[in-house]
């Protein structure tokens, strides 16, 4: 049976460490990771748009994702604000969740990851199960 591990310790890394999964499952696993990354990005942006007005209104648009394909069996995606962007909003993304910067932490990324966690696990399990059937 394939072993699948989930890493939700950091919202910036959605990672599936696949051990023993059939080679033909890799494209479906990659698809499941990318779909979840897109959903996390969209949910993060939506929440950030609701909470950011005024000076940081362009922060939401800086949130994006990049797929990672490692040779050691990990398929993952990094989700979060891209550095730079309009008026440097993406570069200041770390402030969104910082304590002690004059505003409460918004935790848009954490909320988006939690919202999509179960679907991510189901998608990966389905990807492997489809190939084993």
Protein backbone atom coordinates (compact mmCIF):
# COMPACT_ATOMS: atom_id res chain seq x y z
CA UNK A 1 0.00 0.00 0.00
CA UNK A 2 1.26 3.49 -0.82
CA UNK A 3 2.29 5.78 2.02
CA UNK A 4 1.21 9.42 1.79
CA UNK A 5 2.31 12.14 4.21
CA UNK A 6 0.74 15.58 4.54
CA UNK A 7 2.56 18.75 5.55
CA UNK A 8 0.38 21.61 6.76
CA UNK A 9 2.92 23.03 9.18
CA UNK A 10 3.47 25.99 6.87
CA UNK A 11 0.77 27.23 4.53
CA UNK A 12 3.47 28.11 2.02
CA UNK A 13 4.23 24.43 1.44
CA UNK A 14 1.65 21.92 0.30
CA UNK A 15 3.70 18.76 -0.01
CA UNK A 16 2.90 15.15 -0.72
CA UNK A 17 5.77 12.79 0.07
CA UNK A 18 4.87 9.71 -1.94
CA UNK A 19 6.44 6.37 -1.05
CA UNK A 20 5.46 3.24 -2.90
CA UNK A 21 2.98 4.94 -5.20
CA UNK A 22 2.85 3.48 -8.70
CA UNK A 23 4.63 5.58 -11.33
CA UNK A 24 1.38 5.97 -13.28
CA UNK A 25 -0.17 7.75 -10.26
CA UNK A 26 2.36 10.62 -10.37
CA UNK A 27 0.45 12.75 -12.94
CA UNK A 28 -2.76 12.41 -10.93
CA UNK A 29 -0.95 13.23 -7.69
CA UNK A 30 0.58 16.30 -9.32
CA UNK A 31 -2.90 17.32 -10.52
CA UNK A 32 -4.35 16.94 -7.01
CA UNK A 33 -1.56 19.09 -5.54
CA UNK A 34 -2.01 21.77 -8.21
CA UNK A 35 -5.79 21.90 -7.83
CA UNK A 36 -5.43 22.32 -4.07
CA UNK A 37 -2.76 25.00 -4.54
CA UNK A 38 -5.10 26.91 -6.84
CA UNK A 39 -7.96 26.64 -4.34
CA UNK A 40 -5.74 27.78 -1.46
CA UNK A 41 -4.53 30.72 -3.57
CA UNK A 42 -8.10 31.71 -4.49
CA UNK A 43 -9.39 31.39 -0.91
CA UNK A 44 -6.36 33.29 0.45
CA UNK A 45 -6.93 36.09 -2.07
CA UNK A 46 -10.66 36.28 -1.30
CA UNK A 47 -10.08 36.54 2.44
CA UNK A 48 -7.25 39.05 2.01
CA UNK A 49 -9.44 41.22 -0.25
CA UNK A 50 -12.17 41.30 2.38
CA UNK A 51 -9.73 42.33 5.08
CA UNK A 52 -7.33 44.66 3.26
CA UNK A 53 -8.48 48.12 2.39
CA UNK A 54 -6.53 51.30 1.92
CA UNK A 55 -2.76 51.00 1.82
CA UNK A 56 -2.62 47.21 1.50
CA UNK A 57 -5.49 46.63 -0.93
CA UNK A 58 -3.15 45.20 -3.58
CA UNK A 59 -1.74 42.55 -1.25
CA UNK A 60 -4.40 39.98 -2.26
CA UNK A 61 -3.35 40.12 -5.89
CA UNK A 62 0.22 39.20 -4.97
CA UNK A 63 -0.82 35.76 -3.66
CA UNK A 64 0.02 33.02 -6.16
CA UNK A 65 1.48 29.51 -6.28
CA UNK A 66 4.44 27.70 -7.84
CA UNK A 67 4.60 23.95 -8.39
CA UNK A 68 7.65 22.05 -7.10
CA UNK A 69 8.71 18.68 -8.48
CA UNK A 70 11.63 17.19 -6.57
CA UNK A 71 13.70 14.21 -7.63
CA UNK A 72 13.39 12.69 -4.14
CA UNK A 73 9.72 11.79 -4.55
CA UNK A 74 8.08 14.98 -3.33
CA UNK A 75 5.48 16.81 -5.34
CA UNK A 76 4.49 20.13 -3.88
CA UNK A 77 3.42 23.71 -4.33
CA UNK A 78 4.44 26.91 -2.61
CA UNK A 79 1.50 29.23 -2.05
CA UNK A 80 1.89 32.79 -0.86
CA UNK A 81 2.54 36.41 -1.77
CA UNK A 82 5.03 37.01 -4.58
CA UNK A 83 7.72 39.54 -3.72
CA UNK A 84 7.33 42.89 -5.44
CA UNK A 85 4.10 43.53 -7.27
CA UNK A 86 2.09 46.72 -7.27
CA UNK A 87 3.70 49.12 -4.81
CA UNK A 88 5.63 46.22 -3.32
CA UNK A 89 2.57 44.70 -1.65
CA UNK A 90 3.80 41.12 -2.11
CA UNK A 91 7.10 41.94 -0.42
CA UNK A 92 5.20 43.05 2.65
CA UNK A 93 3.06 39.91 2.80
CA UNK A 94 4.85 38.63 5.89
CA UNK A 95 3.22 41.49 7.82
CA UNK A 96 -0.23 40.06 7.17
CA UNK A 97 0.26 37.47 9.89
CA UNK A 98 2.75 39.32 12.08
CA UNK A 99 1.91 40.13 15.66
CA UNK A 100 2.80 43.53 17.02
CA UNK A 101 2.69 45.56 13.82
CA UNK A 102 -0.23 47.75 14.86
CA UNK A 103 -2.93 45.46 13.48
CA UNK A 104 -4.32 42.06 14.28
CA UNK A 105 -2.98 39.11 12.27
CA UNK A 106 -5.37 38.25 9.45
CA UNK A 107 -4.26 34.65 8.93
CA UNK A 108 -5.79 34.52 5.45
CA UNK A 109 -3.24 31.91 4.37
CA UNK A 110 -3.80 29.71 7.40
CA UNK A 111 -7.56 29.86 6.95
CA UNK A 112 -7.25 28.95 3.27
CA UNK A 113 -5.00 25.97 4.03
CA UNK A 114 -7.34 24.65 6.73
CA UNK A 115 -10.34 25.07 4.43
CA UNK A 116 -8.69 22.91 1.76
CA UNK A 117 -6.89 20.35 3.93
CA UNK A 118 -9.52 17.59 3.78
CA UNK A 119 -10.03 18.01 0.04
CA UNK A 120 -6.25 17.80 -0.49
CA UNK A 121 -6.05 14.53 1.40
CA UNK A 122 -9.06 13.07 -0.43
CA UNK A 123 -7.63 14.12 -3.80
CA UNK A 124 -4.29 12.45 -3.13
CA UNK A 125 -5.90 9.29 -1.81
CA UNK A 126 -8.19 9.16 -4.85
CA UNK A 127 -5.23 9.71 -7.22
CA UNK A 128 -3.46 6.65 -5.85
CA UNK A 129 -6.63 4.55 -5.52
CA UNK A 130 -7.64 5.21 -9.14
CA UNK A 131 -4.40 3.68 -10.36
CA UNK A 132 -4.55 0.70 -8.01
CA UNK A 133 -8.07 -0.31 -9.08
